[in-house]
């Protein structure tokens, strides 16, 4: 099997571009060749490099943001049932997942197959998003830490 001359990834014979870095492959090209490689247009790899994580980082901060908004809301309204607090968290999650989905769609990355995870299980959505977009898991880990901290502060 040939290898990409730029990143060294093994690629099948019938593929015209490296799926890892997006570089075009010439027939018979392997890692020992030093020919200049040109990126293939519209592979989507370039778009993932430019993908902004602003909304997903905001989503990762929802446990703390929601706790702050919940305390403000409860002081103003005086709702002691807890339903208002739950509604705040759900609304914030939906808003930021929707904004993140728009960001992904603008970069021609279709998250529809795993988008439902964000509605049901936010940390799973964050880990899957990081995996599918070749990003690090920082925002997913941040959500988990902030969630545990929010539980600690709510019980105190």
Protein backbone atom coordinates (compact mmCIF):
# COMPACT_ATOMS: atom_id res chain seq x y z
CA UNK A 1 0.00 0.00 0.00
CA UNK A 2 1.24 3.51 -0.74
CA UNK A 3 1.88 6.13 1.91
CA UNK A 4 1.18 9.85 1.86
CA UNK A 5 4.45 11.71 1.34
CA UNK A 6 3.34 14.57 3.61
CA UNK A 7 1.98 12.83 6.72
CA UNK A 8 3.10 9.22 6.18
CA UNK A 9 -0.39 7.74 6.49
CA UNK A 10 -0.99 4.46 4.69
CA UNK A 11 -3.64 4.93 1.98
CA UNK A 12 -5.47 2.39 -0.21
CA UNK A 13 -4.46 2.04 -3.87
CA UNK A 14 -7.71 3.44 -5.31
CA UNK A 15 -7.74 6.68 -3.24
CA UNK A 16 -6.71 9.96 -4.85
CA UNK A 17 -6.16 11.93 -1.64
CA UNK A 18 -4.99 11.29 1.90
CA UNK A 19 -7.98 11.15 4.22
CA UNK A 20 -5.88 12.37 7.15
CA UNK A 21 -4.22 15.50 5.71
CA UNK A 22 -6.13 16.03 2.43
CA UNK A 23 -3.14 15.96 0.13
CA UNK A 24 -3.57 14.62 -3.37
CA UNK A 25 -1.79 11.40 -4.21
CA UNK A 26 -0.24 10.71 -7.56
CA UNK A 27 -0.44 7.19 -8.94
CA UNK A 28 2.40 5.13 -7.56
CA UNK A 29 3.26 7.73 -4.94
CA UNK A 30 4.70 6.45 -1.67
CA UNK A 31 6.61 7.76 1.30
CA UNK A 32 9.99 7.41 -0.43
CA UNK A 33 9.01 9.89 -3.14
CA UNK A 34 9.70 13.55 -2.47
CA UNK A 35 7.52 15.14 -5.11
CA UNK A 36 5.54 18.25 -4.15
CA UNK A 37 1.98 17.43 -3.09
CA UNK A 38 -0.96 19.76 -3.71
CA UNK A 39 -4.06 19.84 -1.48
CA UNK A 40 -7.28 18.59 -3.04
CA UNK A 41 -10.14 21.10 -3.09
CA UNK A 42 -13.40 20.37 -1.25
CA UNK A 43 -12.17 17.47 0.88
CA UNK A 44 -13.50 19.11 4.02
CA UNK A 45 -10.16 18.75 5.81
CA UNK A 46 -9.33 22.41 5.30
CA UNK A 47 -12.70 23.40 6.74
CA UNK A 48 -12.11 21.37 9.90
CA UNK A 49 -8.81 23.18 10.43
CA UNK A 50 -10.72 26.49 10.40
CA UNK A 51 -13.56 25.17 12.60
CA UNK A 52 -14.23 27.50 15.50
CA UNK A 53 -14.81 26.00 18.91
CA UNK A 54 -16.37 29.09 20.51
CA UNK A 55 -19.86 27.62 20.89
CA UNK A 56 -18.70 24.23 22.04
CA UNK A 57 -16.51 25.87 24.72
CA UNK A 58 -19.50 27.93 25.81
CA UNK A 59 -21.51 24.70 25.97
CA UNK A 60 -18.76 23.21 28.13
CA UNK A 61 -19.24 26.08 30.58
CA UNK A 62 -23.03 25.58 30.89
CA UNK A 63 -22.80 23.86 34.30
CA UNK A 64 -21.37 27.04 35.82
CA UNK A 65 -23.30 29.49 33.61
CA UNK A 66 -26.52 27.69 34.42
CA UNK A 67 -25.78 27.71 38.13
CA UNK A 68 -25.16 31.48 38.05
CA UNK A 69 -28.32 32.16 36.03
CA UNK A 70 -30.30 29.80 38.24
CA UNK A 71 -29.27 31.64 41.40
CA UNK A 72 -30.14 35.01 39.82
CA UNK A 73 -33.46 33.69 38.57
CA UNK A 74 -34.36 32.08 41.89
CA UNK A 75 -33.57 35.29 43.78
CA UNK A 76 -35.78 37.32 41.45
CA UNK A 77 -38.70 34.87 41.10
CA UNK A 78 -38.38 32.89 44.32
CA UNK A 79 -39.15 29.49 42.70
CA UNK A 80 -38.12 26.76 45.14
CA UNK A 81 -39.39 23.78 43.12
CA UNK A 82 -36.23 23.49 41.03
CA UNK A 83 -38.10 23.28 37.74
CA UNK A 84 -36.94 26.74 36.71
CA UNK A 85 -33.31 25.74 37.29
CA UNK A 86 -33.68 22.61 35.19
CA UNK A 87 -35.33 24.62 32.43
CA UNK A 88 -32.42 27.07 32.44
CA UNK A 89 -29.91 24.24 31.91
CA UNK A 90 -31.97 22.64 29.14
CA UNK A 91 -32.48 25.95 27.34
CA UNK A 92 -28.78 26.85 27.54
CA UNK A 93 -27.79 23.42 26.22
CA UNK A 94 -30.21 23.67 23.30
CA UNK A 95 -29.07 27.20 22.41
CA UNK A 96 -25.36 26.37 22.38
CA UNK A 97 -25.78 23.02 20.64
CA UNK A 98 -27.82 24.74 17.93
CA UNK A 99 -25.17 27.43 17.50
CA UNK A 100 -22.43 24.77 17.38
CA UNK A 101 -24.41 22.81 14.80
CA UNK A 102 -24.64 25.94 12.63
CA UNK A 103 -20.88 26.39 12.95
CA UNK A 104 -20.31 22.78 11.87
CA UNK A 105 -22.73 23.13 8.95
CA UNK A 106 -21.01 26.36 7.82
CA UNK A 107 -17.78 24.38 7.52
CA UNK A 108 -19.55 21.66 5.49
CA UNK A 109 -19.39 19.13 8.31
CA UNK A 110 -22.72 17.36 8.82
CA UNK A 111 -23.29 16.44 12.50
CA UNK A 112 -26.88 15.20 12.03
CA UNK A 113 -26.01 11.58 12.79
CA UNK A 114 -24.75 12.34 16.30
CA UNK A 115 -26.40 15.67 17.06
CA UNK A 116 -29.13 14.02 19.16
CA UNK A 117 -26.44 13.14 21.69
CA UNK A 118 -26.23 16.79 22.67
CA UNK A 119 -29.87 16.94 23.60
CA UNK A 120 -29.74 13.78 25.73
CA UNK A 121 -26.15 13.55 26.97
CA UNK A 122 -24.06 16.69 26.63
CA UNK A 123 -20.71 15.16 27.66
CA UNK A 124 -21.13 12.35 25.13
CA UNK A 125 -21.87 14.93 22.43
CA UNK A 126 -18.72 16.84 23.40
CA UNK A 127 -16.51 13.75 23.29
CA UNK A 128 -18.02 12.58 19.97
CA UNK A 129 -17.64 16.06 18.46
CA UNK A 130 -13.99 16.20 19.47
CA UNK A 131 -13.42 12.76 17.99
CA UNK A 132 -15.26 13.41 14.71
CA UNK A 133 -13.61 16.80 14.12
CA UNK A 134 -10.08 15.68 15.09
CA UNK A 135 -9.98 18.08 18.01
CA UNK A 136 -8.69 17.55 21.53
CA UNK A 137 -11.04 16.58 24.35
CA UNK A 138 -10.46 19.74 26.40
CA UNK A 139 -14.01 21.05 26.25
CA UNK A 140 -15.49 17.65 27.09
CA UNK A 141 -13.23 17.26 30.11
CA UNK A 142 -13.98 20.86 31.12
CA UNK A 143 -17.72 20.13 31.09
CA UNK A 144 -17.23 17.07 33.31
CA UNK A 145 -15.10 18.98 35.83
CA UNK A 146 -17.50 21.94 35.92
CA UNK A 147 -20.47 19.60 36.32
CA UNK A 148 -18.88 17.93 39.34
CA UNK A 149 -18.02 21.35 40.79
CA UNK A 150 -21.57 22.57 40.24
CA UNK A 151 -22.90 19.53 42.12
CA UNK A 152 -20.50 20.27 44.95
CA UNK A 153 -21.58 23.92 45.19
CA UNK A 154 -25.30 23.10 44.96
CA UNK A 155 -25.08 20.66 47.85
CA UNK A 156 -23.18 23.16 50.02
